[in-house]
C-alpha atoms as a PDB file:
ATOM      1  CA  UNK A   1      80.881 154.423  83.028  1.00  0.00           C
ATOM      2  CA  UNK A   2      77.806 155.638  84.867  1.00  0.00           C
ATOM      3  CA  UNK A   3      78.148 152.758  87.311  1.00  0.00           C
ATOM      4  CA  UNK A   4      81.738 153.661  88.195  1.00  0.00           C
ATOM      5  CA  UNK A   5      80.796 157.343  88.563  1.00  0.00           C
ATOM      6  CA  UNK A   6      78.056 156.353  90.974  1.00  0.00           C
ATOM      7  CA  UNK A   7      80.445 154.113  92.880  1.00  0.00           C
ATOM      8  CA  UNK A   8      83.013 156.942  93.173  1.00  0.00           C
ATOM      9  CA  UNK A   9      80.360 159.268  94.541  1.00  0.00           C
ATOM     10  CA  UNK A  10      79.283 156.681  97.116  1.00  0.00           C
ATOM     11  CA  UNK A  11      82.745 155.973  98.503  1.00  0.00           C
ATOM     12  CA  UNK A  12      84.132 159.477  98.004  1.00  0.00           C
ATOM     13  CA  UNK A  13      84.226 162.345 100.498  1.00  0.00           C
ATOM     14  CA  UNK A  14      81.369 164.767 100.983  1.00  0.00           C
ATOM     15  CA  UNK A  15      82.890 167.079  98.340  1.00  0.00           C
ATOM     16  CA  UNK A  16      82.737 164.283  95.746  1.00  0.00           C
ATOM     17  CA  UNK A  17      86.523 163.918  95.708  1.00  0.00           C
ATOM     18  CA  UNK A  18      87.870 160.351  95.793  1.00  0.00           C
ATOM     19  CA  UNK A  19      89.649 159.331  98.967  1.00  0.00           C
ATOM     20  CA  UNK A  20      92.794 157.209  99.211  1.00  0.00           C
ATOM     21  CA  UNK A  21      92.583 153.457  98.695  1.00  0.00           C
ATOM     22  CA  UNK A  22      93.467 152.752 102.351  1.00  0.00           C
ATOM     23  CA  UNK A  23      90.636 154.960 103.578  1.00  0.00           C
ATOM     24  CA  UNK A  24      88.241 153.374 101.076  1.00  0.00           C
ATOM     25  CA  UNK A  25      89.164 149.911 102.283  1.00  0.00           C
ATOM     26  CA  UNK A  26      88.764 150.899 105.915  1.00  0.00           C
ATOM     27  CA  UNK A  27      85.342 152.422 105.336  1.00  0.00           C
ATOM     28  CA  UNK A  28      84.218 149.424 103.315  1.00  0.00           C
ATOM     29  CA  UNK A  29      85.398 146.971 106.007  1.00  0.00           C
ATOM     30  CA  UNK A  30      83.544 149.018 108.660  1.00  0.00           C
ATOM     31  CA  UNK A  31      80.389 149.090 106.572  1.00  0.00           C
ATOM     32  CA  UNK A  32      80.490 145.305 106.174  1.00  0.00           C
ATOM     33  CA  UNK A  33      81.300 144.691 109.841  1.00  0.00           C
ATOM     34  CA  UNK A  34      84.757 143.358 109.103  1.00  0.00           C
ATOM     35  CA  UNK A  35      86.876 146.149 110.550  1.00  0.00           C
ATOM     36  CA  UNK A  36      89.203 145.479 113.469  1.00  0.00           C
ATOM     37  CA  UNK A  37      89.196 141.704 113.049  1.00  0.00           C
ATOM     38  CA  UNK A  38      92.482 141.387 111.212  1.00  0.00           C
ATOM     39  CA  UNK A  39      92.762 138.763 108.538  1.00  0.00           C
ATOM     40  CA  UNK A  40      89.975 136.484 107.465  1.00  0.00           C
ATOM     41  CA  UNK A  41      90.127 133.223 109.470  1.00  0.00           C
ATOM     42  CA  UNK A  42      90.399 131.113 106.326  1.00  0.00           C
ATOM     43  CA  UNK A  43      93.021 133.370 104.776  1.00  0.00           C
ATOM     44  CA  UNK A  44      95.416 134.533 107.472  1.00  0.00           C
ATOM     45  CA  UNK A  45      97.856 137.310 106.678  1.00  0.00           C
ATOM     46  CA  UNK A  46     100.782 135.427 108.141  1.00  0.00           C
ATOM     47  CA  UNK A  47     101.103 131.983 106.651  1.00  0.00           C
ATOM     48  CA  UNK A  48     103.724 129.791 108.321  1.00  0.00           C
ATOM     49  CA  UNK A  49     106.645 128.949 106.092  1.00  0.00           C
ATOM     50  CA  UNK A  50     106.849 125.357 104.901  1.00  0.00           C
ATOM     51  CA  UNK A  51     109.611 123.188 106.296  1.00  0.00           C
ATOM     52  CA  UNK A  52     111.931 122.283 103.381  1.00  0.00           C
ATOM     53  CA  UNK A  53     112.946 118.968 104.960  1.00  0.00           C
ATOM     54  CA  UNK A  54     109.317 117.988 105.399  1.00  0.00           C
ATOM     55  CA  UNK A  55     108.515 118.918 101.821  1.00  0.00           C
ATOM     56  CA  UNK A  56     111.508 116.927 100.516  1.00  0.00           C
ATOM     57  CA  UNK A  57     110.517 113.793 102.432  1.00  0.00           C
ATOM     58  CA  UNK A  58     108.369 111.268 100.586  1.00  0.00           C
ATOM     59  CA  UNK A  59     104.689 111.337 101.512  1.00  0.00           C
ATOM     60  CA  UNK A  60     103.522 109.002 104.234  1.00  0.00           C
ATOM     61  CA  UNK A  61     101.884 105.784 103.076  1.00  0.00           C
ATOM     62  CA  UNK A  62      98.110 106.084 103.137  1.00  0.00           C
ATOM     63  CA  UNK A  63      95.810 103.488 104.642  1.00  0.00           C
ATOM     64  CA  UNK A  64      94.375 103.012 101.161  1.00  0.00           C
ATOM     65  CA  UNK A  65      97.797 102.096  99.737  1.00  0.00           C
ATOM     66  CA  UNK A  66      98.436  99.637 102.576  1.00  0.00           C
ATOM     67  CA  UNK A  67      95.038  98.039 102.045  1.00  0.00           C
ATOM     68  CA  UNK A  68      95.616  97.749  98.297  1.00  0.00           C
ATOM     69  CA  UNK A  69      99.031  96.150  98.885  1.00  0.00           C
ATOM     70  CA  UNK A  70      97.474  93.587 101.237  1.00  0.00           C
ATOM     71  CA  UNK A  71      94.753  92.783  98.702  1.00  0.00           C
ATOM     72  CA  UNK A  72      97.367  92.273  96.001  1.00  0.00           C
ATOM     73  CA  UNK A  73      99.350  89.963  98.300  1.00  0.00           C
ATOM     74  CA  UNK A  74      96.236  87.911  99.008  1.00  0.00           C
ATOM     75  CA  UNK A  75      95.367  87.679  95.303  1.00  0.00           C
ATOM     76  CA  UNK A  76      98.888  86.616  94.332  1.00  0.00           C
ATOM     77  CA  UNK A  77      98.979  83.885  96.988  1.00  0.00           C
ATOM     78  CA  UNK A  78      95.536  82.618  96.025  1.00  0.00           C
ATOM     79  CA  UNK A  79      96.403  82.464  92.316  1.00  0.00           C
ATOM     80  CA  UNK A  80      99.714  80.610  92.735  1.00  0.00           C
ATOM     81  CA  UNK A  81     101.463  79.165  90.745  1.00  0.00           C
ATOM     82  CA  UNK A  82     100.135  81.306  87.870  1.00  0.00           C
ATOM     83  CA  UNK A  83     100.882  84.548  89.728  1.00  0.00           C
ATOM     84  CA  UNK A  84     104.412  83.655  90.835  1.00  0.00           C
ATOM     85  CA  UNK A  85     105.994  86.154  88.426  1.00  0.00           C
ATOM     86  CA  UNK A  86     104.201  89.009  90.215  1.00  0.00           C
ATOM     87  CA  UNK A  87     105.946  88.343  93.543  1.00  0.00           C
ATOM     88  CA  UNK A  88     109.082  90.478  92.996  1.00  0.00           C
ATOM     89  CA  UNK A  89     106.914  93.391  91.838  1.00  0.00           C
ATOM     90  CA  UNK A  90     104.746  93.086  94.954  1.00  0.00           C
ATOM     91  CA  UNK A  91     107.780  93.297  97.218  1.00  0.00           C
ATOM     92  CA  UNK A  92     109.218  96.224  95.251  1.00  0.00           C
ATOM     93  CA  UNK A  93     105.908  98.077  95.470  1.00  0.00           C
ATOM     94  CA  UNK A  94     105.802  97.507  99.224  1.00  0.00           C
ATOM     95  CA  UNK A  95     109.270  98.979  99.637  1.00  0.00           C
ATOM     96  CA  UNK A  96     108.407 101.888  97.332  1.00  0.00           C
ATOM     97  CA  UNK A  97     105.406 102.624  99.534  1.00  0.00           C
ATOM     98  CA  UNK A  98     107.728 102.730 102.530  1.00  0.00           C
ATOM     99  CA  UNK A  99     106.342  99.578 104.132  1.00  0.00           C
ATOM    100  CA  UNK A 100     108.629  98.043 106.729  1.00  0.00           C
ATOM    101  CA  UNK A 101     110.184  94.725 105.668  1.00  0.00           C
ATOM    102  CA  UNK A 102     109.359  93.093 109.022  1.00  0.00           C
ATOM    103  CA  UNK A 103     105.754  94.268 108.746  1.00  0.00           C
ATOM    104  CA  UNK A 104     105.482  92.920 105.197  1.00  0.00           C
ATOM    105  CA  UNK A 105     106.881  89.567 106.333  1.00  0.00           C
ATOM    106  CA  UNK A 106     104.366  89.438 109.186  1.00  0.00           C
ATOM    107  CA  UNK A 107     101.481  90.121 106.801  1.00  0.00           C
ATOM    108  CA  UNK A 108     102.797  87.468 104.425  1.00  0.00           C
ATOM    109  CA  UNK A 109     102.865  84.932 107.268  1.00  0.00           C
ATOM    110  CA  UNK A 110      99.295  85.842 108.234  1.00  0.00           C
ATOM    111  CA  UNK A 111      98.145  85.342 104.653  1.00  0.00           C
ATOM    112  CA  UNK A 112     100.060  82.062 104.451  1.00  0.00           C
ATOM    113  CA  UNK A 113      98.232  80.829 107.569  1.00  0.00           C
ATOM    114  CA  UNK A 114      94.915  81.795 105.950  1.00  0.00           C
ATOM    115  CA  UNK A 115      95.954  79.933 102.808  1.00  0.00           C
ATOM    116  CA  UNK A 116      96.663  76.818 104.906  1.00  0.00           C
ATOM    117  CA  UNK A 117      93.304  77.167 106.683  1.00  0.00           C
ATOM    118  CA  UNK A 118      91.559  77.429 103.337  1.00  0.00           C
ATOM    119  CA  UNK A 119      93.358  74.308 102.097  1.00  0.00           C
ATOM    120  CA  UNK A 120      92.298  72.175 105.088  1.00  0.00           C
ATOM    121  CA  UNK A 121      88.784  73.644 105.388  1.00  0.00           C
ATOM    122  CA  UNK A 122      87.190  70.905 103.300  1.00  0.00           C
ATOM    123  CA  UNK A 123      88.917  68.129 105.251  1.00  0.00           C
ATOM    124  CA  UNK A 124      91.310  67.171 102.481  1.00  0.00           C
ATOM    125  CA  UNK A 125      94.501  68.760 101.155  1.00  0.00           C
ATOM    126  CA  UNK A 126      94.952  68.017  97.461  1.00  0.00           C
ATOM    127  CA  UNK A 127      98.335  67.649  95.712  1.00  0.00           C
ATOM    128  CA  UNK A 128      97.699  70.990  93.926  1.00  0.00           C
ATOM    129  CA  UNK A 129      97.134  72.682  97.281  1.00  0.00           C
ATOM    130  CA  UNK A 130     100.359  71.117  98.584  1.00  0.00           C
ATOM    131  CA  UNK A 131     102.264  72.583  95.615  1.00  0.00           C
ATOM    132  CA  UNK A 132     100.643  75.985  96.123  1.00  0.00           C
ATOM    133  CA  UNK A 133     101.500  75.999  99.838  1.00  0.00           C
ATOM    134  CA  UNK A 134     105.070  74.901  99.177  1.00  0.00           C
ATOM    135  CA  UNK A 135     105.537  77.614  96.540  1.00  0.00           C
ATOM    136  CA  UNK A 136     104.026  80.260  98.832  1.00  0.00           C
ATOM    137  CA  UNK A 137     106.359  79.122 101.622  1.00  0.00           C
ATOM    138  CA  UNK A 138     109.375  79.516  99.340  1.00  0.00           C
ATOM    139  CA  UNK A 139     108.306  82.963  98.130  1.00  0.00           C
ATOM    140  CA  UNK A 140     107.715  84.190 101.679  1.00  0.00           C
ATOM    141  CA  UNK A 141     111.025  82.758 102.826  1.00  0.00           C
ATOM    142  CA  UNK A 142     109.727  80.357 105.470  1.00  0.00           C
ATOM    143  CA  UNK A 143     111.738  77.293 106.331  1.00  0.00           C
ATOM    144  CA  UNK A 144     110.162  73.895 105.839  1.00  0.00           C
ATOM    145  CA  UNK A 145     110.146  73.386 109.606  1.00  0.00           C
ATOM    146  CA  UNK A 146     108.244  76.642 110.214  1.00  0.00           C
ATOM    147  CA  UNK A 147     105.697  75.819 107.537  1.00  0.00           C
ATOM    148  CA  UNK A 148     105.308  72.243 108.759  1.00  0.00           C
ATOM    149  CA  UNK A 149     104.739  73.412 112.345  1.00  0.00           C
ATOM    150  CA  UNK A 150     102.095  75.895 111.200  1.00  0.00           C
ATOM    151  CA  UNK A 151     100.444  73.273 108.983  1.00  0.00           C
ATOM    152  CA  UNK A 152     100.325  70.698 111.801  1.00  0.00           C
ATOM    153  CA  UNK A 153      98.863  73.264 114.205  1.00  0.00           C
ATOM    154  CA  UNK A 154      96.107  74.227 111.781  1.00  0.00           C
ATOM    155  CA  UNK A 155      95.435  70.593 110.836  1.00  0.00           C
ATOM    156  CA  UNK A 156      95.084  69.723 114.544  1.00  0.00           C
ATOM    157  CA  UNK A 157      92.524  72.537 114.954  1.00  0.00           C
ATOM    158  CA  UNK A 158      90.596  71.344 111.886  1.00  0.00           C
ATOM    159  CA  UNK A 159      90.632  67.710 113.039  1.00  0.00           C
ATOM    160  CA  UNK A 160      89.370  68.734 116.473  1.00  0.00           C
ATOM    161  CA  UNK A 161      86.615  70.760 114.843  1.00  0.00           C
ATOM    162  CA  UNK A 162      85.563  68.142 112.269  1.00  0.00           C
ATOM    163  CA  UNK A 163      86.119  65.186 114.592  1.00  0.00           C
ATOM    164  CA  UNK A 164      87.940  63.320 111.836  1.00  0.00           C
ATOM    165  CA  UNK A 165      91.437  63.409 110.283  1.00  0.00           C
ATOM    166  CA  UNK A 166      92.283  65.771 107.441  1.00  0.00           C
ATOM    167  CA  UNK A 167      93.177  63.720 104.376  1.00  0.00           C
ATOM    168  CA  UNK A 168      96.418  64.483 102.553  1.00  0.00           C
ATOM    169  CA  UNK A 169      97.909  66.613 105.299  1.00  0.00           C
END
């Protein structure tokens, strides 16, 4: 109690009588050099009200989520045919994240092209790689003509680079 008695004497009036809380606060703010500045910059007195529509909307997809979705797509395509059962879940997750269907299709086509490049990189396309590419094409929803045109384009690049034909293409 001695501490509180001392504190009352320090913030009280000259007669030792306590002053009102508002006066105490004002004197304390002046003593600390905080008077006249209004609210603390990190804790403003007037906080803007949240927009209910904005709060009800789902959160925007983060770059991390997009990156993780792309990595999962790449892994599923690389592990085909064993990973085929994961395809519907991948698409559902993409939609749940709010990814645009056209964007997802574009990314799938990019990954398919990389899969084709990987298959022809050694100069020979094996029957297993053919099956994997055909399954990936079906899952992505490419027509045979689209896939064949892409394959021939990539094979032509590889043959020009290697200076010899790609076997099995």
